[in-house]
Amino acid sequence: TFIDMNAKMCKDGKCLTIDKNGSLYNSGFHLSYFGAKLFI
């Protein structure tokens, strides 16, 4: 099974990096708690 992060975070070549909970990235390319929560 593949968990496709691009499919959920990107649309028309543009990708979400910050949402209402704060940054989806914790540092550099690493997802934050909120970013990981998207895929649980």
PDB file of all heavy atoms in Angstrom:
ATOM      1  N   THR A   1       0.857  -1.193   0.000  1.00  0.00           N
ATOM      2  CA  THR A   1       0.000   0.000   0.000  1.00  0.00           C
ATOM      3  C   THR A   1       0.886   1.234   0.000  1.00  0.00           C
ATOM      4  O   THR A   1       1.877   1.302   0.739  1.00  0.00           O
ATOM      5  CB  THR A   1      -0.898   0.022   1.250  1.00  0.00           C
ATOM      6  OG1 THR A   1      -1.706  -1.154   1.266  1.00  0.00           O
ATOM      7  CG2 THR A   1      -1.786   1.267   1.258  1.00  0.00           C
ATOM      8  N   PHE A   2       0.532   2.206  -0.821  1.00  0.00           N
ATOM      9  CA  PHE A   2       1.286   3.468  -0.869  1.00  0.00           C
ATOM     10  C   PHE A   2       0.472   4.590  -0.215  1.00  0.00           C
ATOM     11  O   PHE A   2      -0.731   4.723  -0.458  1.00  0.00           O
ATOM     12  CB  PHE A   2       1.595   3.866  -2.318  1.00  0.00           C
ATOM     13  CG  PHE A   2       2.542   2.933  -3.012  1.00  0.00           C
ATOM     14  CD1 PHE A   2       2.074   2.015  -3.948  1.00  0.00           C
ATOM     15  CD2 PHE A   2       3.897   2.968  -2.739  1.00  0.00           C
ATOM     16  CE1 PHE A   2       2.945   1.156  -4.597  1.00  0.00           C
ATOM     17  CE2 PHE A   2       4.785   2.108  -3.392  1.00  0.00           C
ATOM     18  CZ  PHE A   2       4.303   1.195  -4.311  1.00  0.00           C
ATOM     19  N   ILE A   3       1.134   5.387   0.612  1.00  0.00           N
ATOM     20  CA  ILE A   3       0.535   6.601   1.171  1.00  0.00           C
ATOM     21  C   ILE A   3       1.067   7.770   0.359  1.00  0.00           C
ATOM     22  O   ILE A   3       2.231   8.155   0.480  1.00  0.00           O
ATOM     23  CB  ILE A   3       0.878   6.779   2.663  1.00  0.00           C
ATOM     24  CG1 ILE A   3       0.450   5.554   3.472  1.00  0.00           C
ATOM     25  CG2 ILE A   3       0.248   8.060   3.209  1.00  0.00           C
ATOM     26  CD1 ILE A   3      -1.045   5.304   3.454  1.00  0.00           C
ATOM     27  N   ASP A   4       0.208   8.311  -0.497  1.00  0.00           N
ATOM     28  CA  ASP A   4       0.617   9.352  -1.450  1.00  0.00           C
ATOM     29  C   ASP A   4       0.438  10.735  -0.821  1.00  0.00           C
ATOM     30  O   ASP A   4      -0.673  11.253  -0.747  1.00  0.00           O
ATOM     31  CB  ASP A   4      -0.208   9.227  -2.731  1.00  0.00           C
ATOM     32  CG  ASP A   4       0.346  10.096  -3.856  1.00  0.00           C
ATOM     33  OD1 ASP A   4       1.029  11.082  -3.554  1.00  0.00           O
ATOM     34  OD2 ASP A   4       0.080   9.771  -5.027  1.00  0.00           O
ATOM     35  N   MET A   5       1.522  11.332  -0.381  1.00  0.00           N
ATOM     36  CA  MET A   5       1.452  12.639   0.279  1.00  0.00           C
ATOM     37  C   MET A   5       1.199  13.763  -0.709  1.00  0.00           C
ATOM     38  O   MET A   5       0.507  14.735  -0.400  1.00  0.00           O
ATOM     39  CB  MET A   5       2.752  12.890   1.064  1.00  0.00           C
ATOM     40  CG  MET A   5       3.024  11.832   2.118  1.00  0.00           C
ATOM     41  SD  MET A   5       4.365  12.318   3.211  1.00  0.00           S
ATOM     42  CE  MET A   5       4.682  10.742   4.025  1.00  0.00           C
ATOM     43  N   ASN A   6       1.760  13.636  -1.901  1.00  0.00           N
ATOM     44  CA  ASN A   6       1.548  14.671  -2.915  1.00  0.00           C
ATOM     45  C   ASN A   6       0.077  14.790  -3.286  1.00  0.00           C
ATOM     46  O   ASN A   6      -0.428  15.891  -3.511  1.00  0.00           O
ATOM     47  CB  ASN A   6       2.379  14.358  -4.163  1.00  0.00           C
ATOM     48  CG  ASN A   6       3.862  14.619  -3.948  1.00  0.00           C
ATOM     49  OD1 ASN A   6       4.311  15.747  -3.965  1.00  0.00           O
ATOM     50  ND2 ASN A   6       4.622  13.556  -3.722  1.00  0.00           N
ATOM     51  N   ALA A   7      -0.621  13.656  -3.348  1.00  0.00           N
ATOM     52  CA  ALA A   7      -2.028  13.668  -3.751  1.00  0.00           C
ATOM     53  C   ALA A   7      -2.865  14.476  -2.786  1.00  0.00           C
ATOM     54  O   ALA A   7      -3.829  15.150  -3.186  1.00  0.00           O
ATOM     55  CB  ALA A   7      -2.550  12.238  -3.845  1.00  0.00           C
ATOM     56  N   LYS A   8      -2.529  14.424  -1.491  1.00  0.00           N
ATOM     57  CA  LYS A   8      -3.328  15.128  -0.489  1.00  0.00           C
ATOM     58  C   LYS A   8      -2.860  16.563  -0.268  1.00  0.00           C
ATOM     59  O   LYS A   8      -3.660  17.444   0.058  1.00  0.00           O
ATOM     60  CB  LYS A   8      -3.293  14.361   0.828  1.00  0.00           C
ATOM     61  CG  LYS A   8      -4.150  14.975   1.919  1.00  0.00           C
ATOM     62  CD  LYS A   8      -4.473  13.981   3.014  1.00  0.00           C
ATOM     63  CE  LYS A   8      -5.502  12.965   2.537  1.00  0.00           C
ATOM     64  NZ  LYS A   8      -6.017  12.123   3.649  1.00  0.00           N
ATOM     65  N   MET A   9      -1.575  16.819  -0.448  1.00  0.00           N
ATOM     66  CA  MET A   9      -1.030  18.138  -0.114  1.00  0.00           C
ATOM     67  C   MET A   9      -0.903  19.068  -1.318  1.00  0.00           C
ATOM     68  O   MET A   9      -0.667  20.259  -1.150  1.00  0.00           O
ATOM     69  CB  MET A   9       0.352  17.983   0.538  1.00  0.00           C
ATOM     70  CG  MET A   9       0.319  17.250   1.869  1.00  0.00           C
ATOM     71  SD  MET A   9       1.963  16.988   2.585  1.00  0.00           S
ATOM     72  CE  MET A   9       2.426  18.661   3.016  1.00  0.00           C
ATOM     73  N   CYS A  10      -1.030  18.532  -2.531  1.00  0.00           N
ATOM     74  CA  CYS A  10      -0.801  19.340  -3.726  1.00  0.00           C
ATOM     75  C   CYS A  10      -2.019  19.348  -4.641  1.00  0.00           C
ATOM     76  O   CYS A  10      -2.765  18.369  -4.730  1.00  0.00           O
ATOM     77  CB  CYS A  10       0.403  18.822  -4.514  1.00  0.00           C
ATOM     78  SG  CYS A  10       1.930  18.721  -3.559  1.00  0.00           S
ATOM     79  N   LYS A  11      -2.175  20.464  -5.347  1.00  0.00           N
ATOM     80  CA  LYS A  11      -3.238  20.606  -6.320  1.00  0.00           C
ATOM     81  C   LYS A  11      -2.755  21.560  -7.406  1.00  0.00           C
ATOM     82  O   LYS A  11      -2.295  22.666  -7.113  1.00  0.00           O
ATOM     83  CB  LYS A  11      -4.519  21.146  -5.674  1.00  0.00           C
ATOM     84  CG  LYS A  11      -5.704  21.210  -6.634  1.00  0.00           C
ATOM     85  CD  LYS A  11      -6.953  21.693  -5.900  1.00  0.00           C
ATOM     86  CE  LYS A  11      -8.148  21.727  -6.856  1.00  0.00           C
ATOM     87  NZ  LYS A  11      -9.374  22.217  -6.176  1.00  0.00           N
ATOM     88  N   ASP A  12      -2.842  21.120  -8.633  1.00  0.00           N
ATOM     89  CA  ASP A  12      -2.397  21.931  -9.783  1.00  0.00           C
ATOM     90  C   ASP A  12      -0.942  22.384  -9.636  1.00  0.00           C
ATOM     91  O   ASP A  12      -0.588  23.521  -9.973  1.00  0.00           O
ATOM     92  CB  ASP A  12      -3.309  23.162  -9.958  1.00  0.00           C
ATOM     93  CG  ASP A  12      -4.753  22.773 -10.225  1.00  0.00           C
ATOM     94  OD1 ASP A  12      -4.971  21.727 -10.874  1.00  0.00           O
ATOM     95  OD2 ASP A  12      -5.654  23.498  -9.778  1.00  0.00           O
ATOM     96  N   GLY A  13      -0.122  21.491  -9.119  1.00  0.00           N
ATOM     97  CA  GLY A  13       1.309  21.790  -9.008  1.00  0.00           C
ATOM     98  C   GLY A  13       1.695  22.661  -7.834  1.00  0.00           C
ATOM     99  O   GLY A  13       2.859  22.975  -7.641  1.00  0.00           O
ATOM    100  N   LYS A  14       0.707  23.066  -6.998  1.00  0.00           N
ATOM    101  CA  LYS A  14       0.986  23.882  -5.823  1.00  0.00           C
ATOM    102  C   LYS A  14       0.683  23.063  -4.575  1.00  0.00           C
ATOM    103  O   LYS A  14      -0.350  22.414  -4.492  1.00  0.00           O
ATOM    104  CB  LYS A  14       0.152  25.168  -5.841  1.00  0.00           C
ATOM    105  CG  LYS A  14       0.514  26.099  -6.984  1.00  0.00           C
ATOM    106  CD  LYS A  14      -0.344  27.358  -6.933  1.00  0.00           C
ATOM    107  CE  LYS A  14       0.016  28.318  -8.057  1.00  0.00           C
ATOM    108  NZ  LYS A  14      -0.813  29.551  -8.034  1.00  0.00           N
ATOM    109  N   CYS A  15       1.588  23.138  -3.602  1.00  0.00           N
ATOM    110  CA  CYS A  15       1.480  22.262  -2.436  1.00  0.00           C
ATOM    111  C   CYS A  15       1.308  23.070  -1.150  1.00  0.00           C
ATOM    112  O   CYS A  15       1.972  24.076  -0.941  1.00  0.00           O
ATOM    113  CB  CYS A  15       2.703  21.373  -2.327  1.00  0.00           C
ATOM    114  SG  CYS A  15       3.037  20.411  -3.817  1.00  0.00           S
ATOM    115  N   LEU A  16       0.446  22.563  -0.287  1.00  0.00           N
ATOM    116  CA  LEU A  16       0.165  23.218   0.982  1.00  0.00           C
ATOM    117  C   LEU A  16       1.350  23.079   1.927  1.00  0.00           C
ATOM    118  O   LEU A  16       1.892  21.994   2.106  1.00  0.00           O
ATOM    119  CB  LEU A  16      -1.074  22.579   1.611  1.00  0.00           C
ATOM    120  CG  LEU A  16      -1.577  23.172   2.925  1.00  0.00           C
ATOM    121  CD1 LEU A  16      -2.110  24.574   2.683  1.00  0.00           C
ATOM    122  CD2 LEU A  16      -2.674  22.280   3.502  1.00  0.00           C
ATOM    123  N   THR A  17       1.778  24.186   2.511  1.00  0.00           N
ATOM    124  CA  THR A  17       2.854  24.131   3.502  1.00  0.00           C
ATOM    125  C   THR A  17       2.404  24.644   4.861  1.00  0.00           C
ATOM    126  O   THR A  17       2.988  24.298   5.870  1.00  0.00           O
ATOM    127  CB  THR A  17       4.065  24.976   3.056  1.00  0.00           C
ATOM    128  OG1 THR A  17       3.667  26.345   2.914  1.00  0.00           O
ATOM    129  CG2 THR A  17       4.630  24.471   1.751  1.00  0.00           C
ATOM    130  N   ILE A  18       1.381  25.486   4.895  1.00  0.00           N
ATOM    131  CA  ILE A  18       0.874  26.007   6.166  1.00  0.00           C
ATOM    132  C   ILE A  18      -0.644  25.942   6.131  1.00  0.00           C
ATOM    133  O   ILE A  18      -1.268  26.377   5.169  1.00  0.00           O
ATOM    134  CB  ILE A  18       1.331  27.462   6.408  1.00  0.00           C
ATOM    135  CG1 ILE A  18       2.850  27.512   6.558  1.00  0.00           C
ATOM    136  CG2 ILE A  18       0.677  28.048   7.650  1.00  0.00           C
ATOM    137  CD1 ILE A  18       3.409  28.900   6.777  1.00  0.00           C
ATOM    138  N   ASP A  19      -1.258  25.392   7.190  1.00  0.00           N
ATOM    139  CA  ASP A  19      -2.720  25.371   7.262  1.00  0.00           C
ATOM    140  C   ASP A  19      -3.156  26.045   8.559  1.00  0.00           C
ATOM    141  O   ASP A  19      -2.344  26.645   9.263  1.00  0.00           O
ATOM    142  CB  ASP A  19      -3.258  23.944   7.138  1.00  0.00           C
ATOM    143  CG  ASP A  19      -2.965  23.101   8.378  1.00  0.00           C
ATOM    144  OD1 ASP A  19      -2.278  23.605   9.291  1.00  0.00           O
ATOM    145  OD2 ASP A  19      -3.431  21.956   8.418  1.00  0.00           O
ATOM    146  N   LYS A  20      -4.431  25.934   8.894  1.00  0.00           N
ATOM    147  CA  LYS A  20      -4.972  26.665  10.041  1.00  0.00           C
ATOM    148  C   LYS A  20      -4.351  26.212  11.367  1.00  0.00           C
ATOM    149  O   LYS A  20      -4.410  26.930  12.363  1.00  0.00           O
ATOM    150  CB  LYS A  20      -6.493  26.495  10.097  1.00  0.00           C
ATOM    151  CG  LYS A  20      -6.943  25.053  10.320  1.00  0.00           C
ATOM    152  CD  LYS A  20      -8.461  24.974  10.336  1.00  0.00           C
ATOM    153  CE  LYS A  20      -8.923  23.526  10.560  1.00  0.00           C
ATOM    154  NZ  LYS A  20     -10.401  23.443  10.585  1.00  0.00           N
ATOM    155  N   ASN A  21      -3.747  25.017  11.399  1.00  0.00           N
ATOM    156  CA  ASN A  21      -3.120  24.526  12.621  1.00  0.00           C
ATOM    157  C   ASN A  21      -1.667  24.951  12.756  1.00  0.00           C
ATOM    158  O   ASN A  21      -1.044  24.728  13.780  1.00  0.00           O
ATOM    159  CB  ASN A  21      -3.181  22.995  12.659  1.00  0.00           C
ATOM    160  CG  ASN A  21      -4.587  22.482  12.834  1.00  0.00           C
ATOM    161  OD1 ASN A  21      -5.304  22.967  13.694  1.00  0.00           O
ATOM    162  ND2 ASN A  21      -4.982  21.534  12.019  1.00  0.00           N
ATOM    163  N   GLY A  22      -1.116  25.512  11.708  1.00  0.00           N
ATOM    164  CA  GLY A  22       0.297  25.862  11.735  1.00  0.00           C
ATOM    165  C   GLY A  22       1.025  25.172  10.606  1.00  0.00           C
ATOM    166  O   GLY A  22       0.422  24.613   9.702  1.00  0.00           O
ATOM    167  N   SER A  23       2.327  25.186  10.656  1.00  0.00           N
ATOM    168  CA  SER A  23       3.127  24.618   9.578  1.00  0.00           C
ATOM    169  C   SER A  23       2.937  23.116   9.458  1.00  0.00           C
ATOM    170  O   SER A  23       2.868  22.397  10.444  1.00  0.00           O
ATOM    171  CB  SER A  23       4.603  24.915   9.834  1.00  0.00           C
ATOM    172  OG  SER A  23       5.419  24.210   8.945  1.00  0.00           O
ATOM    173  N   LEU A  24       2.851  22.633   8.211  1.00  0.00           N
ATOM    174  CA  LEU A  24       2.794  21.193   7.971  1.00  0.00           C
ATOM    175  C   LEU A  24       4.199  20.594   7.982  1.00  0.00           C
ATOM    176  O   LEU A  24       4.355  19.382   7.941  1.00  0.00           O
ATOM    177  CB  LEU A  24       2.117  20.901   6.627  1.00  0.00           C
ATOM    178  CG  LEU A  24       0.640  21.295   6.559  1.00  0.00           C
ATOM    179  CD1 LEU A  24       0.092  21.022   5.175  1.00  0.00           C
ATOM    180  CD2 LEU A  24      -0.170  20.543   7.597  1.00  0.00           C
ATOM    181  N   TYR A  25       5.202  21.465   8.016  1.00  0.00           N
ATOM    182  CA  TYR A  25       6.596  21.006   8.080  1.00  0.00           C
ATOM    183  C   TYR A  25       7.200  21.491   9.386  1.00  0.00           C
ATOM    184  O   TYR A  25       7.054  22.645   9.760  1.00  0.00           O
ATOM    185  CB  TYR A  25       7.415  21.548   6.911  1.00  0.00           C
ATOM    186  CG  TYR A  25       7.007  20.982   5.576  1.00  0.00           C
ATOM    187  CD1 TYR A  25       5.973  21.541   4.842  1.00  0.00           C
ATOM    188  CD2 TYR A  25       7.655  19.874   5.048  1.00  0.00           C
ATOM    189  CE1 TYR A  25       5.587  21.025   3.615  1.00  0.00           C
ATOM    190  CE2 TYR A  25       7.284  19.338   3.823  1.00  0.00           C
ATOM    191  CZ  TYR A  25       6.244  19.925   3.108  1.00  0.00           C
ATOM    192  OH  TYR A  25       5.872  19.397   1.905  1.00  0.00           O
ATOM    193  N   ASN A  26       7.898  20.589  10.061  1.00  0.00           N
ATOM    194  CA  ASN A  26       8.489  20.946  11.349  1.00  0.00           C
ATOM    195  C   ASN A  26       9.842  21.603  11.195  1.00  0.00           C
ATOM    196  O   ASN A  26      10.165  22.555  11.889  1.00  0.00           O
ATOM    197  CB  ASN A  26       8.605  19.690  12.224  1.00  0.00           C
ATOM    198  CG  ASN A  26       9.199  19.975  13.585  1.00  0.00           C
ATOM    199  OD1 ASN A  26      10.408  20.051  13.707  1.00  0.00           O
ATOM    200  ND2 ASN A  26       8.357  20.148  14.579  1.00  0.00           N
ATOM    201  N   SER A  27      10.655  21.097  10.290  1.00  0.00           N
ATOM    202  CA  SER A  27      11.949  21.711   9.985  1.00  0.00           C
ATOM    203  C   SER A  27      12.433  21.141   8.669  1.00  0.00           C
ATOM    204  O   SER A  27      12.383  19.939   8.459  1.00  0.00           O
ATOM    205  CB  SER A  27      12.973  21.411  11.088  1.00  0.00           C
ATOM    206  OG  SER A  27      13.191  20.027  11.207  1.00  0.00           O
ATOM    207  N   GLY A  28      12.872  21.997   7.790  1.00  0.00           N
ATOM    208  CA  GLY A  28      13.309  21.525   6.486  1.00  0.00           C
ATOM    209  C   GLY A  28      12.206  20.757   5.789  1.00  0.00           C
ATOM    210  O   GLY A  28      11.094  21.252   5.632  1.00  0.00           O
ATOM    211  N   PHE A  29      12.468  19.509   5.388  1.00  0.00           N
ATOM    212  CA  PHE A  29      11.494  18.691   4.678  1.00  0.00           C
ATOM    213  C   PHE A  29      10.678  17.807   5.622  1.00  0.00           C
ATOM    214  O   PHE A  29       9.829  17.054   5.177  1.00  0.00           O
ATOM    215  CB  PHE A  29      12.192  17.782   3.656  1.00  0.00           C
ATOM    216  CG  PHE A  29      13.046  18.525   2.688  1.00  0.00           C
ATOM    217  CD1 PHE A  29      14.214  17.972   2.214  1.00  0.00           C
ATOM    218  CD2 PHE A  29      12.697  19.798   2.250  1.00  0.00           C
ATOM    219  CE1 PHE A  29      15.013  18.654   1.307  1.00  0.00           C
ATOM    220  CE2 PHE A  29      13.479  20.490   1.358  1.00  0.00           C
ATOM    221  CZ  PHE A  29      14.641  19.918   0.880  1.00  0.00           C
ATOM    222  N   HIS A  30      10.946  17.846   6.926  1.00  0.00           N
ATOM    223  CA  HIS A  30      10.271  16.953   7.855  1.00  0.00           C
ATOM    224  C   HIS A  30       8.865  17.444   8.175  1.00  0.00           C
ATOM    225  O   HIS A  30       8.669  18.610   8.512  1.00  0.00           O
ATOM    226  CB  HIS A  30      11.074  16.837   9.154  1.00  0.00           C
ATOM    227  CG  HIS A  30      12.337  16.065   9.004  1.00  0.00           C
ATOM    228  ND1 HIS A  30      13.578  16.649   9.089  1.00  0.00           N
ATOM    229  CD2 HIS A  30      12.568  14.752   8.756  1.00  0.00           C
ATOM    230  CE1 HIS A  30      14.515  15.730   8.912  1.00  0.00           C
ATOM    231  NE2 HIS A  30      13.930  14.572   8.702  1.00  0.00           N
ATOM    232  N   LEU A  31       7.911  16.547   8.107  1.00  0.00           N
ATOM    233  CA  LEU A  31       6.544  16.897   8.469  1.00  0.00           C
ATOM    234  C   LEU A  31       6.440  17.187   9.956  1.00  0.00           C
ATOM    235  O   LEU A  31       7.169  16.623  10.771  1.00  0.00           O
ATOM    236  CB  LEU A  31       5.594  15.759   8.109  1.00  0.00           C
ATOM    237  CG  LEU A  31       5.359  15.475   6.625  1.00  0.00           C
ATOM    238  CD1 LEU A  31       4.411  14.303   6.460  1.00  0.00           C
ATOM    239  CD2 LEU A  31       4.814  16.701   5.906  1.00  0.00           C
ATOM    240  N   SER A  32       5.511  18.060  10.307  1.00  0.00           N
ATOM    241  CA  SER A  32       5.215  18.340  11.698  1.00  0.00           C
ATOM    242  C   SER A  32       4.163  17.350  12.200  1.00  0.00           C
ATOM    243  O   SER A  32       3.690  16.487  11.454  1.00  0.00           O
ATOM    244  CB  SER A  32       4.670  19.760  11.835  1.00  0.00           C
ATOM    245  OG  SER A  32       3.380  19.826  11.240  1.00  0.00           O
ATOM    246  N   TYR A  33       3.776  17.504  13.451  1.00  0.00           N
ATOM    247  CA  TYR A  33       2.677  16.713  13.998  1.00  0.00           C
ATOM    248  C   TYR A  33       1.424  16.907  13.154  1.00  0.00           C
ATOM    249  O   TYR A  33       0.714  15.957  12.841  1.00  0.00           O
ATOM    250  CB  TYR A  33       2.421  17.135  15.438  1.00  0.00           C
ATOM    251  CG  TYR A  33       1.178  16.536  16.049  1.00  0.00           C
ATOM    252  CD1 TYR A  33       1.226  15.281  16.662  1.00  0.00           C
ATOM    253  CD2 TYR A  33      -0.038  17.220  16.022  1.00  0.00           C
ATOM    254  CE1 TYR A  33       0.091  14.726  17.226  1.00  0.00           C
ATOM    255  CE2 TYR A  33      -1.175  16.671  16.588  1.00  0.00           C
ATOM    256  CZ  TYR A  33      -1.101  15.428  17.186  1.00  0.00           C
ATOM    257  OH  TYR A  33      -2.240  14.880  17.741  1.00  0.00           O
ATOM    258  N   PHE A  34       1.174  18.156  12.763  1.00  0.00           N
ATOM    259  CA  PHE A  34      -0.023  18.460  11.970  1.00  0.00           C
ATOM    260  C   PHE A  34       0.066  17.847  10.582  1.00  0.00           C
ATOM    261  O   PHE A  34      -0.931  17.405  10.013  1.00  0.00           O
ATOM    262  CB  PHE A  34      -0.217  19.972  11.871  1.00  0.00           C
ATOM    263  CG  PHE A  34      -0.262  20.655  13.205  1.00  0.00           C
ATOM    264  CD1 PHE A  34       0.767  21.482  13.602  1.00  0.00           C
ATOM    265  CD2 PHE A  34      -1.312  20.447  14.063  1.00  0.00           C
ATOM    266  CE1 PHE A  34       0.756  22.101  14.835  1.00  0.00           C
ATOM    267  CE2 PHE A  34      -1.346  21.060  15.309  1.00  0.00           C
ATOM    268  CZ  PHE A  34      -0.312  21.885  15.694  1.00  0.00           C
ATOM    269  N   GLY A  35       1.290  17.825  10.025  1.00  0.00           N
ATOM    270  CA  GLY A  35       1.467  17.215   8.711  1.00  0.00           C
ATOM    271  C   GLY A  35       1.239  15.718   8.763  1.00  0.00           C
ATOM    272  O   GLY A  35       0.559  15.138   7.902  1.00  0.00           O
ATOM    273  N   ALA A  36       1.786  15.064   9.806  1.00  0.00           N
ATOM    274  CA  ALA A  36       1.591  13.626   9.951  1.00  0.00           C
ATOM    275  C   ALA A  36       0.117  13.294  10.192  1.00  0.00           C
ATOM    276  O   ALA A  36      -0.391  12.264   9.727  1.00  0.00           O
ATOM    277  CB  ALA A  36       2.453  13.103  11.100  1.00  0.00           C
ATOM    278  N   LYS A  37      -0.570  14.179  10.892  1.00  0.00           N
ATOM    279  CA  LYS A  37      -1.991  13.953  11.219  1.00  0.00           C
ATOM    280  C   LYS A  37      -2.861  13.864   9.973  1.00  0.00           C
ATOM    281  O   LYS A  37      -3.897  13.207   9.959  1.00  0.00           O
ATOM    282  CB  LYS A  37      -2.462  15.097  12.121  1.00  0.00           C
ATOM    283  CG  LYS A  37      -3.814  14.879  12.769  1.00  0.00           C
ATOM    284  CD  LYS A  37      -4.118  16.020  13.735  1.00  0.00           C
ATOM    285  CE  LYS A  37      -5.454  15.784  14.429  1.00  0.00           C
ATOM    286  NZ  LYS A  37      -5.764  16.899  15.361  1.00  0.00           N
ATOM    287  N   LEU A  38      -2.418  14.528   8.895  1.00  0.00           N
ATOM    288  CA  LEU A  38      -3.177  14.491   7.641  1.00  0.00           C
ATOM    289  C   LEU A  38      -3.349  13.073   7.114  1.00  0.00           C
ATOM    290  O   LEU A  38      -4.337  12.770   6.433  1.00  0.00           O
ATOM    291  CB  LEU A  38      -2.468  15.324   6.570  1.00  0.00           C
ATOM    292  CG  LEU A  38      -2.641  16.834   6.556  1.00  0.00           C
ATOM    293  CD1 LEU A  38      -1.832  17.426   5.414  1.00  0.00           C
ATOM    294  CD2 LEU A  38      -4.100  17.224   6.431  1.00  0.00           C
ATOM    295  N   PHE A  39      -2.392  12.205   7.419  1.00  0.00           N
ATOM    296  CA  PHE A  39      -2.358  10.892   6.776  1.00  0.00           C
ATOM    297  C   PHE A  39      -2.696   9.741   7.711  1.00  0.00           C
ATOM    298  O   PHE A  39      -2.656   8.588   7.295  1.00  0.00           O
ATOM    299  CB  PHE A  39      -0.963  10.667   6.170  1.00  0.00           C
ATOM    300  CG  PHE A  39      -0.566  11.745   5.205  1.00  0.00           C
ATOM    301  CD1 PHE A  39       0.270  12.778   5.607  1.00  0.00           C
ATOM    302  CD2 PHE A  39      -1.044  11.750   3.909  1.00  0.00           C
ATOM    303  CE1 PHE A  39       0.623  13.791   4.729  1.00  0.00           C
ATOM    304  CE2 PHE A  39      -0.692  12.756   3.023  1.00  0.00           C
ATOM    305  CZ  PHE A  39       0.140  13.775   3.433  1.00  0.00           C
ATOM    306  N   ILE A  40      -3.030  10.042   8.971  1.00  0.00           N
ATOM    307  CA  ILE A  40      -3.267   8.963   9.920  1.00  0.00           C
ATOM    308  C   ILE A  40      -4.464   8.099   9.522  1.00  0.00           C
ATOM    309  O   ILE A  40      -4.424   6.864   9.659  1.00  0.00           O
ATOM    310  CB  ILE A  40      -3.432   9.526  11.355  1.00  0.00           C
ATOM    311  CG1 ILE A  40      -3.470   8.372  12.358  1.00  0.00           C
ATOM    312  CG2 ILE A  40      -4.635  10.424  11.466  1.00  0.00           C
ATOM    313  CD1 ILE A  40      -2.216   7.551  12.411  1.00  0.00           C
TER     314      ILE A  40
END
